[in-house]
């Protein structure tokens, strides 16, 4: 990655609707990963029909916003934003039929969805992404500022998917919430190291969301934050705004 438009490159494509609906993650999820994910509302994720959010990125020479609606059970995505050329784009697509979508959906929009959604629900992925290795390495100094926290290292396989070789270091507080993280890409040709705080925690229905992430990407200032976050629950047409 040569710019900030793709801060992560996580393989989410392999997971379907049945995976979320049945909670089959519980069979393979590491105990520490399960504790963290549950702190963010994983047990209630099956009640979520839609998640609406705007991903915002501020970095040197770059400011962008991307608006999404994700329907987890149908794995359907709606996007409202701009393409690489700055042209407005609105599209809705089923991720199960990604191969039949337009070229810009396959090469640009869906990878951006994966990136932005991963920032939103990262604590769930350490249970969902069953190919990743999760290790509790004990207490370590926080990468930013003073203090220490439990460091959980999440390592992805060296081959396959967007996340090949990627490593996440999650610094977890006593409440099982992420305080800070370090992301190291597996791309040796275009290495990327992101260090960021997780702050401004709010609830969107049963889900706990960190709304603000400030830090650095390859030692340059970075801020990723969310706005207009809301959820719809099963059996309701009303949006529940984050608060």
C-alpha atoms as a PDB file:
ATOM      1  CA  UNK A   1       0.000   0.000   0.000  1.00  0.00           C
ATOM      2  CA  UNK A   2       1.523   3.271  -1.116  1.00  0.00           C
ATOM      3  CA  UNK A   3      -1.110   5.591   0.371  1.00  0.00           C
ATOM      4  CA  UNK A   4      -3.566   5.852   3.234  1.00  0.00           C
ATOM      5  CA  UNK A   5      -6.690   4.856   1.325  1.00  0.00           C
ATOM      6  CA  UNK A   6      -6.204   1.225   2.357  1.00  0.00           C
ATOM      7  CA  UNK A   7      -5.030   1.184   5.960  1.00  0.00           C
ATOM      8  CA  UNK A   8      -5.834  -2.513   6.270  1.00  0.00           C
ATOM      9  CA  UNK A   9      -6.322  -5.399   3.871  1.00  0.00           C
ATOM     10  CA  UNK A  10      -8.248  -8.030   5.750  1.00  0.00           C
ATOM     11  CA  UNK A  11      -9.702 -11.221   4.261  1.00  0.00           C
ATOM     12  CA  UNK A  12     -13.378 -11.125   5.143  1.00  0.00           C
ATOM     13  CA  UNK A  13     -14.664 -12.614   1.901  1.00  0.00           C
ATOM     14  CA  UNK A  14     -14.762 -16.201   3.125  1.00  0.00           C
ATOM     15  CA  UNK A  15     -17.413 -15.717   5.798  1.00  0.00           C
ATOM     16  CA  UNK A  16     -21.114 -16.071   4.960  1.00  0.00           C
ATOM     17  CA  UNK A  17     -24.426 -15.366   6.593  1.00  0.00           C
ATOM     18  CA  UNK A  18     -24.807 -18.759   8.271  1.00  0.00           C
ATOM     19  CA  UNK A  19     -21.556 -18.190  10.131  1.00  0.00           C
ATOM     20  CA  UNK A  20     -22.974 -15.128  11.882  1.00  0.00           C
ATOM     21  CA  UNK A  21     -26.463 -16.486  12.393  1.00  0.00           C
ATOM     22  CA  UNK A  22     -25.452 -19.732  14.065  1.00  0.00           C
ATOM     23  CA  UNK A  23     -22.627 -18.428  16.229  1.00  0.00           C
ATOM     24  CA  UNK A  24     -20.381 -21.237  14.979  1.00  0.00           C
ATOM     25  CA  UNK A  25     -17.403 -19.053  15.851  1.00  0.00           C
ATOM     26  CA  UNK A  26     -17.748 -20.303  19.444  1.00  0.00           C
ATOM     27  CA  UNK A  27     -16.374 -23.709  18.439  1.00  0.00           C
ATOM     28  CA  UNK A  28     -13.006 -22.366  17.322  1.00  0.00           C
ATOM     29  CA  UNK A  29     -12.631 -18.978  19.007  1.00  0.00           C
ATOM     30  CA  UNK A  30      -9.751 -18.722  21.495  1.00  0.00           C
ATOM     31  CA  UNK A  31     -10.953 -18.046  25.077  1.00  0.00           C
ATOM     32  CA  UNK A  32      -9.255 -14.636  25.303  1.00  0.00           C
ATOM     33  CA  UNK A  33     -10.633 -13.655  21.881  1.00  0.00           C
ATOM     34  CA  UNK A  34     -14.085 -14.699  23.034  1.00  0.00           C
ATOM     35  CA  UNK A  35     -13.847 -12.513  26.147  1.00  0.00           C
ATOM     36  CA  UNK A  36     -12.865  -9.488  24.089  1.00  0.00           C
ATOM     37  CA  UNK A  37     -15.527 -10.023  21.424  1.00  0.00           C
ATOM     38  CA  UNK A  38     -18.238 -10.557  24.037  1.00  0.00           C
ATOM     39  CA  UNK A  39     -17.313  -7.233  25.665  1.00  0.00           C
ATOM     40  CA  UNK A  40     -18.286  -5.573  22.373  1.00  0.00           C
ATOM     41  CA  UNK A  41     -21.645  -7.350  22.113  1.00  0.00           C
ATOM     42  CA  UNK A  42     -20.841 -10.408  20.026  1.00  0.00           C
ATOM     43  CA  UNK A  43     -23.548 -12.480  21.720  1.00  0.00           C
ATOM     44  CA  UNK A  44     -26.140 -10.027  20.385  1.00  0.00           C
ATOM     45  CA  UNK A  45     -24.762  -9.744  16.863  1.00  0.00           C
ATOM     46  CA  UNK A  46     -27.393 -12.142  15.564  1.00  0.00           C
ATOM     47  CA  UNK A  47     -30.029  -9.502  16.361  1.00  0.00           C
ATOM     48  CA  UNK A  48     -28.453  -7.018  13.963  1.00  0.00           C
ATOM     49  CA  UNK A  49     -30.238  -6.621  10.617  1.00  0.00           C
ATOM     50  CA  UNK A  50     -28.375  -3.545   9.379  1.00  0.00           C
ATOM     51  CA  UNK A  51     -25.435  -1.393  10.444  1.00  0.00           C
ATOM     52  CA  UNK A  52     -25.061   2.129   9.092  1.00  0.00           C
ATOM     53  CA  UNK A  53     -21.811   4.041   9.475  1.00  0.00           C
ATOM     54  CA  UNK A  54     -19.542   6.593   7.841  1.00  0.00           C
ATOM     55  CA  UNK A  55     -15.830   5.859   7.803  1.00  0.00           C
ATOM     56  CA  UNK A  56     -13.687   9.003   7.962  1.00  0.00           C
ATOM     57  CA  UNK A  57      -9.949   9.174   7.373  1.00  0.00           C
ATOM     58  CA  UNK A  58      -7.651  12.156   7.938  1.00  0.00           C
ATOM     59  CA  UNK A  59      -3.971  11.879   7.019  1.00  0.00           C
ATOM     60  CA  UNK A  60      -1.368  14.183   5.456  1.00  0.00           C
ATOM     61  CA  UNK A  61      -2.714  15.272   2.083  1.00  0.00           C
ATOM     62  CA  UNK A  62      -5.826  13.115   2.353  1.00  0.00           C
ATOM     63  CA  UNK A  63      -9.308  13.497   3.823  1.00  0.00           C
ATOM     64  CA  UNK A  64     -12.102  11.097   2.863  1.00  0.00           C
ATOM     65  CA  UNK A  65     -15.483   9.822   3.977  1.00  0.00           C
ATOM     66  CA  UNK A  66     -17.315   6.668   2.909  1.00  0.00           C
ATOM     67  CA  UNK A  67     -20.913   5.913   3.895  1.00  0.00           C
ATOM     68  CA  UNK A  68     -21.989   2.285   4.268  1.00  0.00           C
ATOM     69  CA  UNK A  69     -25.026   0.195   5.144  1.00  0.00           C
ATOM     70  CA  UNK A  70     -24.165  -3.435   5.836  1.00  0.00           C
ATOM     71  CA  UNK A  71     -26.761  -6.195   6.193  1.00  0.00           C
ATOM     72  CA  UNK A  72     -24.778  -8.980   7.903  1.00  0.00           C
ATOM     73  CA  UNK A  73     -27.310 -11.786   7.512  1.00  0.00           C
ATOM     74  CA  UNK A  74     -27.725 -11.196   3.777  1.00  0.00           C
ATOM     75  CA  UNK A  75     -24.103  -9.985   3.469  1.00  0.00           C
ATOM     76  CA  UNK A  76     -25.434  -7.110   1.385  1.00  0.00           C
ATOM     77  CA  UNK A  77     -23.592  -3.803   1.154  1.00  0.00           C
ATOM     78  CA  UNK A  78     -24.742  -0.326   0.143  1.00  0.00           C
ATOM     79  CA  UNK A  79     -22.108   2.316  -0.569  1.00  0.00           C
ATOM     80  CA  UNK A  80     -22.416   6.078  -0.956  1.00  0.00           C
ATOM     81  CA  UNK A  81     -19.225   7.981  -1.640  1.00  0.00           C
ATOM     82  CA  UNK A  82     -16.695   8.791  -4.322  1.00  0.00           C
ATOM     83  CA  UNK A  83     -14.426   6.708  -6.535  1.00  0.00           C
ATOM     84  CA  UNK A  84     -10.699   7.228  -7.021  1.00  0.00           C
ATOM     85  CA  UNK A  85     -11.356   9.966  -9.563  1.00  0.00           C
ATOM     86  CA  UNK A  86     -13.625  11.836  -7.168  1.00  0.00           C
ATOM     87  CA  UNK A  87     -16.850  10.963  -8.972  1.00  0.00           C
ATOM     88  CA  UNK A  88     -19.939  10.249  -6.815  1.00  0.00           C
ATOM     89  CA  UNK A  89     -20.922   6.585  -6.598  1.00  0.00           C
ATOM     90  CA  UNK A  90     -23.969   4.854  -5.119  1.00  0.00           C
ATOM     91  CA  UNK A  91     -24.265   1.084  -5.332  1.00  0.00           C
ATOM     92  CA  UNK A  92     -25.836  -1.877  -3.532  1.00  0.00           C
ATOM     93  CA  UNK A  93     -24.473  -5.398  -4.046  1.00  0.00           C
ATOM     94  CA  UNK A  94     -24.512  -8.904  -2.567  1.00  0.00           C
ATOM     95  CA  UNK A  95     -21.056 -10.010  -1.547  1.00  0.00           C
ATOM     96  CA  UNK A  96     -21.951 -13.645  -2.303  1.00  0.00           C
ATOM     97  CA  UNK A  97     -22.152 -12.580  -5.956  1.00  0.00           C
ATOM     98  CA  UNK A  98     -19.062 -10.392  -5.952  1.00  0.00           C
ATOM     99  CA  UNK A  99     -17.614 -12.092  -9.018  1.00  0.00           C
ATOM    100  CA  UNK A 100     -20.533 -10.885 -11.151  1.00  0.00           C
ATOM    101  CA  UNK A 101     -20.340  -7.269  -9.985  1.00  0.00           C
ATOM    102  CA  UNK A 102     -18.887  -4.342 -11.942  1.00  0.00           C
ATOM    103  CA  UNK A 103     -15.114  -4.021 -12.033  1.00  0.00           C
ATOM    104  CA  UNK A 104     -15.049  -1.003  -9.714  1.00  0.00           C
ATOM    105  CA  UNK A 105     -17.065  -2.908  -7.108  1.00  0.00           C
ATOM    106  CA  UNK A 106     -14.613  -5.817  -7.177  1.00  0.00           C
ATOM    107  CA  UNK A 107     -11.382  -3.829  -7.296  1.00  0.00           C
ATOM    108  CA  UNK A 108     -12.206  -0.723  -5.266  1.00  0.00           C
ATOM    109  CA  UNK A 109     -15.534  -0.575  -3.447  1.00  0.00           C
ATOM    110  CA  UNK A 110     -15.539  -4.011  -1.815  1.00  0.00           C
ATOM    111  CA  UNK A 111     -11.894  -3.802  -0.671  1.00  0.00           C
ATOM    112  CA  UNK A 112     -12.746  -0.429   0.880  1.00  0.00           C
ATOM    113  CA  UNK A 113     -15.778  -1.990   2.565  1.00  0.00           C
ATOM    114  CA  UNK A 114     -13.583  -4.726   4.022  1.00  0.00           C
ATOM    115  CA  UNK A 115     -11.135  -2.141   5.317  1.00  0.00           C
ATOM    116  CA  UNK A 116     -13.723   0.167   6.858  1.00  0.00           C
ATOM    117  CA  UNK A 117     -15.855  -2.597   8.353  1.00  0.00           C
ATOM    118  CA  UNK A 118     -12.783  -4.153   9.934  1.00  0.00           C
ATOM    119  CA  UNK A 119     -11.983  -0.917  11.739  1.00  0.00           C
ATOM    120  CA  UNK A 120     -15.587  -0.823  12.983  1.00  0.00           C
ATOM    121  CA  UNK A 121     -15.854  -4.367  14.377  1.00  0.00           C
ATOM    122  CA  UNK A 122     -12.239  -5.463  14.791  1.00  0.00           C
ATOM    123  CA  UNK A 123     -12.874  -7.182  18.168  1.00  0.00           C
ATOM    124  CA  UNK A 124     -15.338  -9.552  16.477  1.00  0.00           C
ATOM    125  CA  UNK A 125     -12.856 -10.553  13.806  1.00  0.00           C
ATOM    126  CA  UNK A 126     -10.497 -12.185  16.251  1.00  0.00           C
ATOM    127  CA  UNK A 127     -13.284 -14.762  16.693  1.00  0.00           C
ATOM    128  CA  UNK A 128     -14.682 -14.712  13.157  1.00  0.00           C
ATOM    129  CA  UNK A 129     -11.340 -15.032  11.353  1.00  0.00           C
ATOM    130  CA  UNK A 130     -10.735 -18.623  12.346  1.00  0.00           C
ATOM    131  CA  UNK A 131      -7.550 -18.929  10.273  1.00  0.00           C
ATOM    132  CA  UNK A 132      -5.743 -16.387  12.441  1.00  0.00           C
ATOM    133  CA  UNK A 133      -3.569 -17.407  15.389  1.00  0.00           C
ATOM    134  CA  UNK A 134      -4.397 -15.631  18.656  1.00  0.00           C
ATOM    135  CA  UNK A 135      -1.820 -15.450  21.461  1.00  0.00           C
ATOM    136  CA  UNK A 136      -1.994 -13.836  24.886  1.00  0.00           C
ATOM    137  CA  UNK A 137       1.528 -12.500  25.526  1.00  0.00           C
ATOM    138  CA  UNK A 138       0.862 -11.003  28.960  1.00  0.00           C
ATOM    139  CA  UNK A 139       1.349  -7.425  30.139  1.00  0.00           C
ATOM    140  CA  UNK A 140       3.305  -5.018  27.947  1.00  0.00           C
ATOM    141  CA  UNK A 141       3.975  -1.284  27.851  1.00  0.00           C
ATOM    142  CA  UNK A 142       1.479   0.641  25.756  1.00  0.00           C
ATOM    143  CA  UNK A 143       2.920   1.765  22.408  1.00  0.00           C
ATOM    144  CA  UNK A 144       1.527   5.295  22.878  1.00  0.00           C
ATOM    145  CA  UNK A 145       1.854   7.181  26.149  1.00  0.00           C
ATOM    146  CA  UNK A 146       2.314   5.709  29.599  1.00  0.00           C
ATOM    147  CA  UNK A 147       0.874   2.607  31.177  1.00  0.00           C
ATOM    148  CA  UNK A 148       0.625  -1.054  30.280  1.00  0.00           C
ATOM    149  CA  UNK A 149      -2.020  -3.532  29.168  1.00  0.00           C
ATOM    150  CA  UNK A 150      -2.436  -7.151  28.170  1.00  0.00           C
ATOM    151  CA  UNK A 151      -1.097  -7.658  24.649  1.00  0.00           C
ATOM    152  CA  UNK A 152      -2.997 -10.044  22.363  1.00  0.00           C
ATOM    153  CA  UNK A 153      -1.193 -10.877  19.119  1.00  0.00           C
ATOM    154  CA  UNK A 154      -3.356 -11.887  16.137  1.00  0.00           C
ATOM    155  CA  UNK A 155      -1.338 -13.353  13.276  1.00  0.00           C
ATOM    156  CA  UNK A 156      -2.770 -14.213   9.853  1.00  0.00           C
ATOM    157  CA  UNK A 157      -1.400 -17.004   7.607  1.00  0.00           C
ATOM    158  CA  UNK A 158       1.340 -16.036   5.177  1.00  0.00           C
ATOM    159  CA  UNK A 159      -0.745 -17.004   2.160  1.00  0.00           C
ATOM    160  CA  UNK A 160      -4.341 -16.436   1.077  1.00  0.00           C
ATOM    161  CA  UNK A 161      -6.733 -13.501   1.167  1.00  0.00           C
ATOM    162  CA  UNK A 162      -6.199  -9.812   1.738  1.00  0.00           C
ATOM    163  CA  UNK A 163      -4.655 -10.387   5.169  1.00  0.00           C
ATOM    164  CA  UNK A 164      -1.745 -12.674   4.252  1.00  0.00           C
ATOM    165  CA  UNK A 165       0.998 -12.307   6.836  1.00  0.00           C
ATOM    166  CA  UNK A 166      -0.633  -9.411   8.658  1.00  0.00           C
ATOM    167  CA  UNK A 167      -0.193  -9.065  12.422  1.00  0.00           C
ATOM    168  CA  UNK A 168      -2.316  -7.147  14.915  1.00  0.00           C
ATOM    169  CA  UNK A 169      -1.181  -6.395  18.452  1.00  0.00           C
ATOM    170  CA  UNK A 170      -4.191  -5.499  20.582  1.00  0.00           C
ATOM    171  CA  UNK A 171      -3.584  -3.895  23.966  1.00  0.00           C
ATOM    172  CA  UNK A 172      -6.498  -4.871  26.185  1.00  0.00           C
ATOM    173  CA  UNK A 173      -7.627  -3.209  29.422  1.00  0.00           C
ATOM    174  CA  UNK A 174      -9.118  -4.894  32.473  1.00  0.00           C
ATOM    175  CA  UNK A 175     -12.604  -4.385  30.982  1.00  0.00           C
ATOM    176  CA  UNK A 176     -11.593  -6.432  27.908  1.00  0.00           C
ATOM    177  CA  UNK A 177     -11.741  -3.330  25.705  1.00  0.00           C
ATOM    178  CA  UNK A 178      -9.061  -2.447  23.170  1.00  0.00           C
ATOM    179  CA  UNK A 179      -7.066   0.544  24.390  1.00  0.00           C
ATOM    180  CA  UNK A 180      -4.495   0.687  21.591  1.00  0.00           C
ATOM    181  CA  UNK A 181      -3.332  -1.388  18.662  1.00  0.00           C
ATOM    182  CA  UNK A 182      -0.349  -1.940  16.415  1.00  0.00           C
ATOM    183  CA  UNK A 183      -0.962  -3.218  12.889  1.00  0.00           C
ATOM    184  CA  UNK A 184       1.902  -4.589  10.788  1.00  0.00           C
ATOM    185  CA  UNK A 185       1.158  -5.489   7.193  1.00  0.00           C
ATOM    186  CA  UNK A 186       2.472  -8.723   5.724  1.00  0.00           C
ATOM    187  CA  UNK A 187       3.421  -6.928   2.506  1.00  0.00           C
ATOM    188  CA  UNK A 188       7.220  -6.799   2.550  1.00  0.00           C
ATOM    189  CA  UNK A 189       7.326  -4.745  -0.658  1.00  0.00           C
ATOM    190  CA  UNK A 190       5.086  -1.976   0.718  1.00  0.00           C
ATOM    191  CA  UNK A 191       5.252  -2.336   4.500  1.00  0.00           C
ATOM    192  CA  UNK A 192       2.772  -0.476   6.659  1.00  0.00           C
ATOM    193  CA  UNK A 193       2.787  -0.002  10.426  1.00  0.00           C
ATOM    194  CA  UNK A 194      -0.230   1.630  12.062  1.00  0.00           C
ATOM    195  CA  UNK A 195      -0.271   2.551  15.763  1.00  0.00           C
ATOM    196  CA  UNK A 196      -3.548   3.927  17.082  1.00  0.00           C
ATOM    197  CA  UNK A 197      -5.557   4.549  20.228  1.00  0.00           C
ATOM    198  CA  UNK A 198      -9.122   3.297  20.611  1.00  0.00           C
ATOM    199  CA  UNK A 199     -11.287   5.888  22.311  1.00  0.00           C
ATOM    200  CA  UNK A 200     -14.719   7.581  22.478  1.00  0.00           C
ATOM    201  CA  UNK A 201     -16.612   4.372  23.190  1.00  0.00           C
ATOM    202  CA  UNK A 202     -20.368   4.471  22.531  1.00  0.00           C
ATOM    203  CA  UNK A 203     -23.234   1.998  22.189  1.00  0.00           C
ATOM    204  CA  UNK A 204     -25.175   1.365  18.971  1.00  0.00           C
ATOM    205  CA  UNK A 205     -27.987  -0.844  20.214  1.00  0.00           C
ATOM    206  CA  UNK A 206     -26.255  -3.889  21.767  1.00  0.00           C
ATOM    207  CA  UNK A 207     -22.916  -3.182  20.067  1.00  0.00           C
ATOM    208  CA  UNK A 208     -20.008  -1.309  21.651  1.00  0.00           C
ATOM    209  CA  UNK A 209     -18.153   0.866  19.146  1.00  0.00           C
ATOM    210  CA  UNK A 210     -14.884   2.794  19.424  1.00  0.00           C
ATOM    211  CA  UNK A 211     -15.678   5.940  17.461  1.00  0.00           C
ATOM    212  CA  UNK A 212     -12.212   7.512  17.317  1.00  0.00           C
ATOM    213  CA  UNK A 213      -8.740   6.199  16.478  1.00  0.00           C
ATOM    214  CA  UNK A 214      -5.783   8.563  16.545  1.00  0.00           C
ATOM    215  CA  UNK A 215      -2.175   7.639  15.953  1.00  0.00           C
ATOM    216  CA  UNK A 216       0.313   7.201  13.133  1.00  0.00           C
ATOM    217  CA  UNK A 217       0.737   5.262   9.890  1.00  0.00           C
ATOM    218  CA  UNK A 218       4.403   4.772   8.989  1.00  0.00           C
ATOM    219  CA  UNK A 219       5.176   7.545  11.490  1.00  0.00           C
ATOM    220  CA  UNK A 220       2.821  10.056   9.817  1.00  0.00           C
ATOM    221  CA  UNK A 221      -0.245  11.425  11.642  1.00  0.00           C
ATOM    222  CA  UNK A 222      -3.424   9.414  11.186  1.00  0.00           C
ATOM    223  CA  UNK A 223      -6.975   9.686  12.393  1.00  0.00           C
ATOM    224  CA  UNK A 224      -9.741   7.204  11.629  1.00  0.00           C
ATOM    225  CA  UNK A 225     -13.146   7.989  13.084  1.00  0.00           C
ATOM    226  CA  UNK A 226     -16.785   7.042  12.603  1.00  0.00           C
ATOM    227  CA  UNK A 227     -19.906   9.174  12.320  1.00  0.00           C
ATOM    228  CA  UNK A 228     -23.619   8.523  11.700  1.00  0.00           C
ATOM    229  CA  UNK A 229     -23.406   5.091  13.327  1.00  0.00           C
ATOM    230  CA  UNK A 230     -26.718   3.289  13.854  1.00  0.00           C
ATOM    231  CA  UNK A 231     -28.203  -0.215  13.807  1.00  0.00           C
ATOM    232  CA  UNK A 232     -31.532  -1.830  12.956  1.00  0.00           C
ATOM    233  CA  UNK A 233     -32.564  -4.850  14.995  1.00  0.00           C
ATOM    234  CA  UNK A 234     -34.547  -7.864  13.830  1.00  0.00           C
ATOM    235  CA  UNK A 235     -38.256  -7.088  13.598  1.00  0.00           C
ATOM    236  CA  UNK A 236     -37.837  -3.302  13.593  1.00  0.00           C
ATOM    237  CA  UNK A 237     -37.545  -0.675  10.864  1.00  0.00           C
ATOM    238  CA  UNK A 238     -36.245   1.991  13.257  1.00  0.00           C
ATOM    239  CA  UNK A 239     -32.615   3.033  13.329  1.00  0.00           C
ATOM    240  CA  UNK A 240     -30.993   3.058  16.784  1.00  0.00           C
ATOM    241  CA  UNK A 241     -28.402   5.812  16.741  1.00  0.00           C
ATOM    242  CA  UNK A 242     -25.141   5.528  18.587  1.00  0.00           C
ATOM    243  CA  UNK A 243     -25.100   7.190  22.007  1.00  0.00           C
END
